[in-house]
Amino acid sequence: MTLRLNDEDAQALRRRAELEGRSMQDVAREAVREYVENHSRADLLDRVLDEDLPRYAEALERLGQ
């Protein structure tokens, strides 16, 4: 896979990598992992809220009283 960045993004990535004493590739890989993990959790939460929560709405309402 080839990642093409515009000059501004490439420079920002270079600065971040230098600041952390890591390679640009390591910083980019970590960013991709974090993005996938965060969005996977959000997707799971959305699914639970859309599909599972309505099933228990009455019980949750009773518990709240």
PDB file of N, CA and C in Angstrom:
ATOM      1  N   MET A   1       0.842  -1.177   0.000  1.00  0.00           N
ATOM      2  CA  MET A   1       0.000   0.000   0.000  1.00  0.00           C
ATOM      3  C   MET A   1       0.889   1.242   0.000  1.00  0.00           C
ATOM      4  N   THR A   2       0.481   2.206  -0.738  1.00  0.00           N
ATOM      5  CA  THR A   2       1.191   3.480  -0.775  1.00  0.00           C
ATOM      6  C   THR A   2       0.273   4.555  -0.230  1.00  0.00           C
ATOM      7  N   LEU A   3       0.781   5.332   0.685  1.00  0.00           N
ATOM      8  CA  LEU A   3       0.015   6.429   1.264  1.00  0.00           C
ATOM      9  C   LEU A   3       0.531   7.727   0.677  1.00  0.00           C
ATOM     10  N   ARG A   4      -0.327   8.447   0.000  1.00  0.00           N
ATOM     11  CA  ARG A   4       0.059   9.716  -0.590  1.00  0.00           C
ATOM     12  C   ARG A   4      -0.511  10.843   0.271  1.00  0.00           C
ATOM     13  N   LEU A   5       0.375  11.710   0.714  1.00  0.00           N
ATOM     14  CA  LEU A   5      -0.030  12.841   1.542  1.00  0.00           C
ATOM     15  C   LEU A   5       0.303  14.135   0.815  1.00  0.00           C
ATOM     16  N   ASN A   6      -0.518  15.160   1.054  1.00  0.00           N
ATOM     17  CA  ASN A   6      -0.137  16.463   0.513  1.00  0.00           C
ATOM     18  C   ASN A   6       1.044  16.991   1.343  1.00  0.00           C
ATOM     19  N   ASP A   7       1.657  18.038   0.866  1.00  0.00           N
ATOM     20  CA  ASP A   7       2.871  18.559   1.523  1.00  0.00           C
ATOM     21  C   ASP A   7       2.627  18.936   2.979  1.00  0.00           C
ATOM     22  N   GLU A   8       1.494  19.552   3.242  1.00  0.00           N
ATOM     23  CA  GLU A   8       1.181  19.994   4.608  1.00  0.00           C
ATOM     24  C   GLU A   8       1.038  18.802   5.552  1.00  0.00           C
ATOM     25  N   ASP A   9       0.303  17.772   5.123  1.00  0.00           N
ATOM     26  CA  ASP A   9       0.129  16.592   5.971  1.00  0.00           C
ATOM     27  C   ASP A   9       1.441  15.838   6.158  1.00  0.00           C
ATOM     28  N   ALA A  10       2.226  15.746   5.097  1.00  0.00           N
ATOM     29  CA  ALA A  10       3.517  15.057   5.186  1.00  0.00           C
ATOM     30  C   ALA A  10       4.436  15.779   6.164  1.00  0.00           C
ATOM     31  N   GLN A  11       4.441  17.082   6.123  1.00  0.00           N
ATOM     32  CA  GLN A  11       5.282  17.862   7.036  1.00  0.00           C
ATOM     33  C   GLN A  11       4.807  17.701   8.474  1.00  0.00           C
ATOM     34  N   ALA A  12       3.508  17.704   8.692  1.00  0.00           N
ATOM     35  CA  ALA A  12       2.966  17.515  10.038  1.00  0.00           C
ATOM     36  C   ALA A  12       3.329  16.127  10.571  1.00  0.00           C
ATOM     37  N   LEU A  13       3.230  15.124   9.724  1.00  0.00           N
ATOM     38  CA  LEU A  13       3.602  13.769  10.121  1.00  0.00           C
ATOM     39  C   LEU A  13       5.100  13.696  10.417  1.00  0.00           C
ATOM     40  N   ARG A  14       5.913  14.322   9.609  1.00  0.00           N
ATOM     41  CA  ARG A  14       7.363  14.336   9.824  1.00  0.00           C
ATOM     42  C   ARG A  14       7.702  14.994  11.163  1.00  0.00           C
ATOM     43  N   ARG A  15       7.062  16.138  11.449  1.00  0.00           N
ATOM     44  CA  ARG A  15       7.322  16.828  12.725  1.00  0.00           C
ATOM     45  C   ARG A  15       6.922  15.952  13.910  1.00  0.00           C
ATOM     46  N   ARG A  16       5.753  15.310  13.814  1.00  0.00           N
ATOM     47  CA  ARG A  16       5.274  14.458  14.904  1.00  0.00           C
ATOM     48  C   ARG A  16       6.229  13.292  15.119  1.00  0.00           C
ATOM     49  N   ALA A  17       6.665  12.671  14.048  1.00  0.00           N
ATOM     50  CA  ALA A  17       7.585  11.536  14.150  1.00  0.00           C
ATOM     51  C   ALA A  17       8.910  11.967  14.777  1.00  0.00           C
ATOM     52  N   GLU A  18       9.434  13.111  14.350  1.00  0.00           N
ATOM     53  CA  GLU A  18      10.684  13.615  14.909  1.00  0.00           C
ATOM     54  C   GLU A  18      10.534  13.934  16.388  1.00  0.00           C
ATOM     55  N   LEU A  19       9.406  14.534  16.747  1.00  0.00           N
ATOM     56  CA  LEU A  19       9.136  14.880  18.139  1.00  0.00           C
ATOM     57  C   LEU A  19       9.112  13.639  19.027  1.00  0.00           C
ATOM     58  N   GLU A  20       8.563  12.547  18.500  1.00  0.00           N
ATOM     59  CA  GLU A  20       8.446  11.304  19.269  1.00  0.00           C
ATOM     60  C   GLU A  20       9.648  10.389  19.096  1.00  0.00           C
ATOM     61  N   GLY A  21      10.574  10.758  18.213  1.00  0.00           N
ATOM     62  CA  GLY A  21      11.735   9.906  17.979  1.00  0.00           C
ATOM     63  C   GLY A  21      11.369   8.599  17.307  1.00  0.00           C
ATOM     64  N   ARG A  22      10.378   8.655  16.438  1.00  0.00           N
ATOM     65  CA  ARG A  22       9.896   7.455  15.741  1.00  0.00           C
ATOM     66  C   ARG A  22       9.897   7.720  14.249  1.00  0.00           C
ATOM     67  N   SER A  23       9.681   6.661  13.480  1.00  0.00           N
ATOM     68  CA  SER A  23       9.608   6.838  12.034  1.00  0.00           C
ATOM     69  C   SER A  23       8.213   7.338  11.656  1.00  0.00           C
ATOM     70  N   MET A  24       8.144   7.972  10.510  1.00  0.00           N
ATOM     71  CA  MET A  24       6.848   8.427  10.003  1.00  0.00           C
ATOM     72  C   MET A  24       5.927   7.225   9.800  1.00  0.00           C
ATOM     73  N   GLN A  25       6.492   6.127   9.347  1.00  0.00           N
ATOM     74  CA  GLN A  25       5.696   4.923   9.113  1.00  0.00           C
ATOM     75  C   GLN A  25       5.085   4.408  10.414  1.00  0.00           C
ATOM     76  N   ASP A  26       5.861   4.389  11.491  1.00  0.00           N
ATOM     77  CA  ASP A  26       5.336   3.934  12.783  1.00  0.00           C
ATOM     78  C   ASP A  26       4.188   4.822  13.264  1.00  0.00           C
ATOM     79  N   VAL A  27       4.358   6.122  13.130  1.00  0.00           N
ATOM     80  CA  VAL A  27       3.315   7.058  13.565  1.00  0.00           C
ATOM     81  C   VAL A  27       2.051   6.865  12.720  1.00  0.00           C
ATOM     82  N   ALA A  28       2.210   6.712  11.423  1.00  0.00           N
ATOM     83  CA  ALA A  28       1.054   6.520  10.540  1.00  0.00           C
ATOM     84  C   ALA A  28       0.347   5.206  10.845  1.00  0.00           C
ATOM     85  N   ARG A  29       1.118   4.137  11.074  1.00  0.00           N
ATOM     86  CA  ARG A  29       0.501   2.837  11.394  1.00  0.00           C
ATOM     87  C   ARG A  29      -0.312   2.923  12.674  1.00  0.00           C
ATOM     88  N   GLU A  30       0.256   3.574  13.696  1.00  0.00           N
ATOM     89  CA  GLU A  30      -0.470   3.719  14.958  1.00  0.00           C
ATOM     90  C   GLU A  30      -1.748   4.529  14.763  1.00  0.00           C
ATOM     91  N   ALA A  31      -1.677   5.570  13.960  1.00  0.00           N
ATOM     92  CA  ALA A  31      -2.860   6.398  13.702  1.00  0.00           C
ATOM     93  C   ALA A  31      -3.953   5.581  13.022  1.00  0.00           C
ATOM     94  N   VAL A  32      -3.567   4.737  12.091  1.00  0.00           N
ATOM     95  CA  VAL A  32      -4.556   3.891  11.404  1.00  0.00           C
ATOM     96  C   VAL A  32      -5.176   2.914  12.390  1.00  0.00           C
ATOM     97  N   ARG A  33      -4.351   2.282  13.233  1.00  0.00           N
ATOM     98  CA  ARG A  33      -4.878   1.342  14.235  1.00  0.00           C
ATOM     99  C   ARG A  33      -5.875   2.029  15.166  1.00  0.00           C
ATOM    100  N   GLU A  34      -5.502   3.207  15.663  1.00  0.00           N
ATOM    101  CA  GLU A  34      -6.395   3.942  16.559  1.00  0.00           C
ATOM    102  C   GLU A  34      -7.698   4.307  15.867  1.00  0.00           C
ATOM    103  N   TYR A  35      -7.615   4.738  14.623  1.00  0.00           N
ATOM    104  CA  TYR A  35      -8.808   5.107  13.861  1.00  0.00           C
ATOM    105  C   TYR A  35      -9.743   3.905  13.728  1.00  0.00           C
ATOM    106  N   VAL A  36      -9.196   2.773  13.332  1.00  0.00           N
ATOM    107  CA  VAL A  36     -10.016   1.576  13.141  1.00  0.00           C
ATOM    108  C   VAL A  36     -10.637   1.130  14.456  1.00  0.00           C
ATOM    109  N   GLU A  37      -9.850   1.114  15.540  1.00  0.00           N
ATOM    110  CA  GLU A  37     -10.374   0.713  16.839  1.00  0.00           C
ATOM    111  C   GLU A  37     -11.484   1.642  17.308  1.00  0.00           C
ATOM    112  N   ASN A  38     -11.265   2.947  17.201  1.00  0.00           N
ATOM    113  CA  ASN A  38     -12.267   3.919  17.652  1.00  0.00           C
ATOM    114  C   ASN A  38     -13.548   3.827  16.843  1.00  0.00           C
ATOM    115  N   HIS A  39     -13.431   3.675  15.552  1.00  0.00           N
ATOM    116  CA  HIS A  39     -14.629   3.589  14.725  1.00  0.00           C
ATOM    117  C   HIS A  39     -15.324   2.246  14.881  1.00  0.00           C
ATOM    118  N   SER A  40     -14.585   1.197  15.161  1.00  0.00           N
ATOM    119  CA  SER A  40     -15.193  -0.109  15.397  1.00  0.00           C
ATOM    120  C   SER A  40     -16.038  -0.062  16.664  1.00  0.00           C
ATOM    121  N   ARG A  41     -15.507   0.588  17.713  1.00  0.00           N
ATOM    122  CA  ARG A  41     -16.277   0.724  18.962  1.00  0.00           C
ATOM    123  C   ARG A  41     -17.525   1.571  18.736  1.00  0.00           C
ATOM    124  N   ALA A  42     -17.395   2.639  17.994  1.00  0.00           N
ATOM    125  CA  ALA A  42     -18.545   3.510  17.720  1.00  0.00           C
ATOM    126  C   ALA A  42     -19.601   2.761  16.922  1.00  0.00           C
ATOM    127  N   ASP A  43     -19.178   1.965  15.944  1.00  0.00           N
ATOM    128  CA  ASP A  43     -20.129   1.179  15.150  1.00  0.00           C
ATOM    129  C   ASP A  43     -20.863   0.174  16.021  1.00  0.00           C
ATOM    130  N   LEU A  44     -20.134  -0.480  16.928  1.00  0.00           N
ATOM    131  CA  LEU A  44     -20.749  -1.445  17.823  1.00  0.00           C
ATOM    132  C   LEU A  44     -21.754  -0.754  18.740  1.00  0.00           C
ATOM    133  N   LEU A  45     -21.391   0.388  19.287  1.00  0.00           N
ATOM    134  CA  LEU A  45     -22.304   1.119  20.153  1.00  0.00           C
ATOM    135  C   LEU A  45     -23.551   1.555  19.387  1.00  0.00           C
ATOM    136  N   ASP A  46     -23.379   2.040  18.175  1.00  0.00           N
ATOM    137  CA  ASP A  46     -24.528   2.425  17.350  1.00  0.00           C
ATOM    138  C   ASP A  46     -25.458   1.242  17.116  1.00  0.00           C
ATOM    139  N   ARG A  47     -24.873   0.084  16.842  1.00  0.00           N
ATOM    140  CA  ARG A  47     -25.693  -1.108  16.601  1.00  0.00           C
ATOM    141  C   ARG A  47     -26.470  -1.486  17.853  1.00  0.00           C
ATOM    142  N   VAL A  48     -25.806  -1.453  18.994  1.00  0.00           N
ATOM    143  CA  VAL A  48     -26.478  -1.795  20.251  1.00  0.00           C
ATOM    144  C   VAL A  48     -27.617  -0.816  20.520  1.00  0.00           C
ATOM    145  N   LEU A  49     -27.350   0.476  20.332  1.00  0.00           N
ATOM    146  CA  LEU A  49     -28.383   1.476  20.587  1.00  0.00           C
ATOM    147  C   LEU A  49     -29.556   1.333  19.624  1.00  0.00           C
ATOM    148  N   ASP A  50     -29.276   0.979  18.380  1.00  0.00           N
ATOM    149  CA  ASP A  50     -30.331   0.865  17.374  1.00  0.00           C
ATOM    150  C   ASP A  50     -31.113  -0.444  17.476  1.00  0.00           C
ATOM    151  N   GLU A  51     -30.420  -1.528  17.793  1.00  0.00           N
ATOM    152  CA  GLU A  51     -31.053  -2.843  17.730  1.00  0.00           C
ATOM    153  C   GLU A  51     -31.417  -3.419  19.094  1.00  0.00           C
ATOM    154  N   ASP A  52     -30.523  -3.314  20.065  1.00  0.00           N
ATOM    155  CA  ASP A  52     -30.741  -3.980  21.350  1.00  0.00           C
ATOM    156  C   ASP A  52     -31.486  -3.120  22.357  1.00  0.00           C
ATOM    157  N   LEU A  53     -31.186  -1.843  22.400  1.00  0.00           N
ATOM    158  CA  LEU A  53     -31.801  -0.969  23.392  1.00  0.00           C
ATOM    159  C   LEU A  53     -33.328  -0.931  23.287  1.00  0.00           C
ATOM    160  N   PRO A  54     -33.915  -0.837  22.092  1.00  0.00           N
ATOM    161  CA  PRO A  54     -35.380  -0.812  22.019  1.00  0.00           C
ATOM    162  C   PRO A  54     -36.044  -2.046  22.638  1.00  0.00           C
ATOM    163  N   ARG A  55     -35.351  -3.183  22.578  1.00  0.00           N
ATOM    164  CA  ARG A  55     -35.903  -4.408  23.167  1.00  0.00           C
ATOM    165  C   ARG A  55     -36.107  -4.270  24.669  1.00  0.00           C
ATOM    166  N   TYR A  56     -35.254  -3.496  25.304  1.00  0.00           N
ATOM    167  CA  TYR A  56     -35.285  -3.365  26.761  1.00  0.00           C
ATOM    168  C   TYR A  56     -35.837  -2.020  27.217  1.00  0.00           C
ATOM    169  N   ALA A  57     -36.426  -1.268  26.331  1.00  0.00           N
ATOM    170  CA  ALA A  57     -36.895   0.077  26.653  1.00  0.00           C
ATOM    171  C   ALA A  57     -37.883   0.077  27.817  1.00  0.00           C
ATOM    172  N   GLU A  58     -38.840  -0.837  27.801  1.00  0.00           N
ATOM    173  CA  GLU A  58     -39.845  -0.872  28.868  1.00  0.00           C
ATOM    174  C   GLU A  58     -39.206  -1.192  30.218  1.00  0.00           C
ATOM    175  N   ALA A  59     -38.314  -2.162  30.233  1.00  0.00           N
ATOM    176  CA  ALA A  59     -37.649  -2.524  31.490  1.00  0.00           C
ATOM    177  C   ALA A  59     -36.786  -1.371  31.987  1.00  0.00           C
ATOM    178  N   LEU A  60     -36.088  -0.701  31.089  1.00  0.00           N
ATOM    179  CA  LEU A  60     -35.258   0.427  31.493  1.00  0.00           C
ATOM    180  C   LEU A  60     -36.102   1.572  32.030  1.00  0.00           C
ATOM    181  N   GLU A  61     -37.234   1.788  31.420  1.00  0.00           N
ATOM    182  CA  GLU A  61     -38.118   2.846  31.888  1.00  0.00           C
ATOM    183  C   GLU A  61     -38.627   2.532  33.297  1.00  0.00           C
ATOM    184  N   ARG A  62     -38.994   1.280  33.545  1.00  0.00           N
ATOM    185  CA  ARG A  62     -39.461   0.882  34.873  1.00  0.00           C
ATOM    186  C   ARG A  62     -38.357   1.034  35.913  1.00  0.00           C
ATOM    187  N   LEU A  63     -37.130   0.679  35.542  1.00  0.00           N
ATOM    188  CA  LEU A  63     -36.005   0.821  36.469  1.00  0.00           C
ATOM    189  C   LEU A  63     -35.754   2.278  36.815  1.00  0.00           C
ATOM    190  N   GLY A  64     -36.037   3.170  35.886  1.00  0.00           N
ATOM    191  CA  GLY A  64     -35.807   4.586  36.115  1.00  0.00           C
ATOM    192  C   GLY A  64     -36.846   5.247  37.004  1.00  0.00           C
ATOM    193  N   GLN A  65     -37.935   4.556  37.278  1.00  0.00           N
ATOM    194  CA  GLN A  65     -38.993   5.146  38.104  1.00  0.00           C
ATOM    195  C   GLN A  65     -38.777   4.927  39.579  1.00  0.00           C
TER     196      GLN A  65
END
